[in-house]
Amino acid sequence: MGYMSAVNATEAYINTMKMGKRDNEPDVAEFISAIAAGNNAQFMVIACASTAGLTTSYLIEAIHQTGGRLICIVKGDEELQSSKQALINSNMNQIEFVVGNAQSLLSNEYKSADFVVIDCDLDNHVRIIESVQIEREKSTIVLGFNAFWKDSWLWSKTNSRLLPIGEGLLLMRVAGKCKNGGRRNGGGGGGRRSRWVVEVDECTGEEHVFRM
């Protein structure tokens, strides 16, 4: 995830819009897909509370743009079968389904993921988010959807933003391990810290998020 690509973000966003009917509200799945593609995410992991849905399906559009890898973690065999059925019209061969504990997997096998999406309806979503903030191998963007009415964004160890998109979208960035004399992956040691800026189009009501 070495650079920001507005072209990739736009392509992913437009393609996901074409996949389903769109209403006046920004669709969180489309937004997540655009962020993944725009940041050139190479290793994406999504942890689902139940059946994998639109967010997982739309992330396929992101990997079309980045050429990356997509892992979908579900809790059990029942969720696995229902997810495959729900995504039967998508390119499921581009998704690697894994049954297991998301907290353990993200802390160990998938520590090198550079883009993590967490369903905050998971009972242990707080512990999952905590686990993603510890000893990452590279700079990681973490998104938590269904975040309204949850307190996970309040105690985050990193700077986080709760965006009014869908049922609430938690957005944070976690630095990777220190390298090159104290610098962390994703940013120079003495450089200016990046920040997220949210702008609202007064005419259309659409929200745009930029990393400065």
Protein backbone atom coordinates (compact mmCIF):
# COMPACT_ATOMS: atom_id res chain seq x y z
CA MET A 1 0.00 0.00 0.00
CA GLY A 2 2.64 2.45 -1.14
CA TYR A 3 0.63 5.22 -2.78
CA MET A 4 -2.78 6.82 -3.10
CA SER A 5 -4.51 6.28 -6.45
CA ALA A 6 -7.52 8.44 -7.20
CA VAL A 7 -8.04 6.49 -10.43
CA ASN A 8 -8.31 3.16 -8.60
CA ALA A 9 -10.65 4.66 -6.02
CA THR A 10 -12.91 6.12 -8.69
CA GLU A 11 -13.00 2.93 -10.73
CA ALA A 12 -13.86 0.78 -7.72
CA TYR A 13 -16.55 3.23 -6.57
CA ILE A 14 -18.20 3.45 -10.00
CA ASN A 15 -18.10 -0.32 -10.51
CA THR A 16 -19.72 -1.01 -7.15
CA MET A 17 -22.44 1.53 -7.91
CA LYS A 18 -23.25 -0.42 -11.05
CA MET A 19 -23.61 -3.65 -9.06
CA GLY A 20 -26.75 -2.60 -7.21
CA LYS A 21 -29.47 -0.04 -6.87
CA ARG A 22 -28.26 3.10 -5.10
CA ASP A 23 -30.32 5.42 -2.91
CA ASN A 24 -29.59 8.94 -1.68
CA GLU A 25 -27.45 7.79 1.26
CA PRO A 26 -23.76 6.97 0.73
CA ASP A 27 -23.32 3.21 0.72
CA VAL A 28 -20.72 2.09 3.23
CA ALA A 29 -19.72 -0.93 1.11
CA GLU A 30 -19.01 1.27 -1.90
CA PHE A 31 -17.02 3.65 0.28
CA ILE A 32 -14.91 0.86 1.79
CA SER A 33 -14.17 -0.53 -1.66
CA ALA A 34 -13.06 2.90 -2.90
CA ILE A 35 -10.73 3.41 0.09
CA ALA A 36 -9.15 -0.03 -0.44
CA ALA A 37 -8.59 0.58 -4.13
CA GLY A 38 -7.46 4.17 -3.66
CA ASN A 39 -4.81 3.11 -1.15
CA ASN A 40 -3.63 0.25 -3.39
CA ALA A 41 -4.31 -2.33 -0.67
CA GLN A 42 -2.53 -5.60 -1.43
CA PHE A 43 -3.67 -7.83 1.43
CA MET A 44 -7.27 -7.27 2.56
CA VAL A 45 -9.02 -9.10 5.39
CA ILE A 46 -12.68 -8.75 6.33
CA ALA A 47 -14.13 -10.23 9.54
CA CYS A 48 -17.88 -10.87 9.26
CA ALA A 49 -20.38 -11.13 12.11
CA SER A 50 -22.62 -13.48 10.15
CA THR A 51 -23.12 -14.06 6.43
CA ALA A 52 -20.70 -12.19 4.16
CA GLY A 53 -22.61 -9.57 2.23
CA LEU A 54 -22.20 -6.53 0.02
CA THR A 55 -19.06 -5.26 1.71
CA THR A 56 -17.23 -8.49 0.88
CA SER A 57 -18.65 -8.55 -2.62
CA TYR A 58 -17.64 -4.94 -3.27
CA LEU A 59 -14.10 -5.57 -2.05
CA ILE A 60 -13.72 -7.85 -5.06
CA GLU A 61 -13.94 -4.71 -7.19
CA ALA A 62 -11.08 -3.24 -5.17
CA ILE A 63 -8.80 -6.23 -5.78
CA HIS A 64 -9.63 -5.96 -9.48
CA GLN A 65 -7.97 -2.54 -9.32
CA THR A 66 -5.04 -3.40 -7.05
CA GLY A 67 -4.33 -7.02 -7.96
CA GLY A 68 -4.38 -7.80 -4.26
CA ARG A 69 -5.56 -10.68 -2.08
CA LEU A 70 -8.86 -10.89 -0.17
CA ILE A 71 -9.51 -13.03 2.93
CA CYS A 72 -13.02 -13.35 4.39
CA ILE A 73 -13.21 -14.64 7.98
CA VAL A 74 -16.48 -16.20 9.15
CA LYS A 75 -17.33 -17.75 12.52
CA GLY A 76 -18.45 -21.24 11.51
CA ASP A 77 -19.45 -23.70 8.80
CA GLU A 78 -23.03 -22.43 8.75
CA GLU A 79 -21.84 -18.87 8.04
CA LEU A 80 -19.43 -20.24 5.44
CA GLN A 81 -22.18 -21.98 3.47
CA SER A 82 -24.59 -19.05 3.70
CA SER A 83 -21.81 -16.66 2.61
CA LYS A 84 -21.01 -18.73 -0.47
CA GLN A 85 -24.71 -18.81 -1.32
CA ALA A 86 -25.07 -15.06 -0.83
CA LEU A 87 -22.06 -14.36 -3.06
CA ILE A 88 -22.91 -16.96 -5.69
CA ASN A 89 -23.20 -14.26 -8.36
CA SER A 90 -19.84 -12.75 -7.43
CA ASN A 91 -16.38 -13.96 -8.38
CA MET A 92 -16.05 -16.21 -5.32
CA ASN A 93 -12.88 -17.77 -6.69
CA GLN A 94 -11.17 -14.47 -5.87
CA ILE A 95 -12.12 -14.69 -2.18
CA GLU A 96 -10.31 -16.92 0.31
CA PHE A 97 -12.87 -17.98 2.93
CA VAL A 98 -11.52 -18.90 6.36
CA VAL A 99 -13.48 -20.29 9.32
CA GLY A 100 -11.97 -19.26 12.63
CA ASN A 101 -11.41 -16.68 15.34
CA ALA A 102 -10.83 -13.28 13.76
CA GLN A 103 -8.89 -11.94 16.74
CA SER A 104 -6.41 -14.81 16.68
CA LEU A 105 -6.05 -14.84 12.91
CA LEU A 106 -5.42 -11.10 12.63
CA SER A 107 -2.90 -11.25 15.47
CA ASN A 108 -0.93 -14.09 13.92
CA GLU A 109 -1.45 -15.45 10.40
CA TYR A 110 -2.71 -12.16 8.97
CA LYS A 111 -0.45 -9.71 10.78
CA SER A 112 0.85 -8.52 7.40
CA ALA A 113 -2.59 -7.43 6.14
CA ASP A 114 -2.54 -3.78 5.08
CA PHE A 115 -6.33 -3.31 4.94
CA VAL A 116 -8.63 -4.73 7.62
CA VAL A 117 -12.43 -4.46 7.71
CA ILE A 118 -14.31 -5.46 10.88
CA ASP A 119 -18.03 -5.86 11.42
CA CYS A 120 -18.69 -4.14 14.76
CA ASP A 121 -21.70 -6.42 15.24
CA LEU A 122 -19.20 -9.12 16.21
CA ASP A 123 -19.49 -9.78 19.94
CA ASN A 124 -15.73 -9.44 20.43
CA HIS A 125 -15.20 -6.61 17.94
CA VAL A 126 -13.47 -4.50 20.60
CA ARG A 127 -10.82 -7.17 21.20
CA ILE A 128 -10.44 -7.70 17.45
CA ILE A 129 -9.76 -3.99 16.89
CA GLU A 130 -7.29 -4.03 19.80
CA SER A 131 -5.44 -6.95 18.26
CA VAL A 132 -5.03 -5.12 14.94
CA GLN A 133 -3.32 -2.22 16.71
CA ILE A 134 -0.46 -4.32 18.10
CA GLU A 135 2.83 -5.02 16.29
CA ARG A 136 1.64 -4.71 12.71
CA GLU A 137 4.20 -5.71 10.09
CA LYS A 138 3.19 -2.81 7.88
CA SER A 139 1.05 0.29 7.94
CA THR A 140 -2.59 -0.83 8.12
CA ILE A 141 -5.88 0.90 7.41
CA VAL A 142 -8.61 -0.41 9.73
CA LEU A 143 -12.31 0.14 9.05
CA GLY A 144 -15.14 -0.89 11.34
CA PHE A 145 -18.66 -0.79 9.94
CA ASN A 146 -21.91 -0.86 11.95
CA ALA A 147 -20.01 1.30 14.44
CA PHE A 148 -22.84 3.55 15.66
CA TRP A 149 -23.85 2.89 19.27
CA LYS A 150 -20.56 1.08 19.82
CA ASP A 151 -17.81 2.48 22.06
CA SER A 152 -14.85 0.97 20.21
CA TRP A 153 -13.94 4.25 18.51
CA LEU A 154 -13.76 6.13 21.84
CA TRP A 155 -10.87 4.19 23.36
CA SER A 156 -8.87 3.53 20.21
CA LYS A 157 -5.11 3.68 20.81
CA THR A 158 -4.67 5.40 17.46
CA ASN A 159 -6.29 8.48 16.00
CA SER A 160 -9.67 7.39 14.73
CA ARG A 161 -12.67 8.99 13.08
CA LEU A 162 -16.30 7.92 13.22
CA LEU A 163 -17.86 8.83 9.88
CA PRO A 164 -21.66 9.19 9.46
CA ILE A 165 -21.83 6.71 6.60
CA GLY A 166 -24.26 3.81 6.65
CA GLU A 167 -24.60 2.55 10.24
CA GLY A 168 -21.39 4.31 11.19
CA LEU A 169 -17.88 3.76 9.84
CA LEU A 170 -14.85 3.73 12.15
CA LEU A 171 -11.70 4.77 10.31
CA MET A 172 -8.16 4.51 11.67
CA ARG A 173 -4.61 3.93 10.51
CA VAL A 174 -2.11 1.81 12.43
CA ALA A 175 1.63 2.26 11.88
CA GLY A 176 3.83 -0.73 11.13
CA LYS A 177 6.99 -1.89 12.90
CA CYS A 178 9.81 0.62 13.29
CA LYS A 179 12.44 0.44 10.57
CA ASN A 180 15.25 2.60 9.20
CA GLY A 181 16.32 4.42 12.32
CA GLY A 182 12.97 4.76 14.05
CA ARG A 183 10.76 5.40 11.06
CA ARG A 184 7.55 3.47 10.75
CA ASN A 185 6.13 1.98 7.60
CA GLY A 186 3.72 4.38 6.01
CA GLY A 187 5.38 7.60 7.16
CA GLY A 188 8.70 9.34 7.74
CA GLY A 189 9.98 9.74 11.26
CA GLY A 190 10.21 13.55 11.20
CA GLY A 191 7.59 14.29 8.58
CA ARG A 192 4.17 15.78 9.05
CA ARG A 193 1.52 13.32 10.21
CA SER A 194 -1.19 12.54 7.69
CA ARG A 195 -4.80 13.25 8.60
CA TRP A 196 -8.21 12.48 7.18
CA VAL A 197 -10.38 15.34 5.93
CA VAL A 198 -14.11 14.90 5.33
CA GLU A 199 -15.86 17.28 2.94
CA VAL A 200 -19.58 17.38 2.16
CA ASP A 201 -20.88 18.48 -1.24
CA GLU A 202 -23.59 21.03 -0.38
CA CYS A 203 -25.46 20.33 -3.62
CA THR A 204 -25.58 16.54 -3.60
CA GLY A 205 -24.99 15.76 0.06
CA GLU A 206 -22.20 13.35 -0.90
CA GLU A 207 -19.28 12.94 1.50
CA HIS A 208 -15.69 12.84 0.30
CA VAL A 209 -12.76 11.74 2.48
CA PHE A 210 -9.21 12.75 1.66
CA ARG A 211 -5.90 11.88 3.30
CA MET A 212 -3.75 14.99 3.71
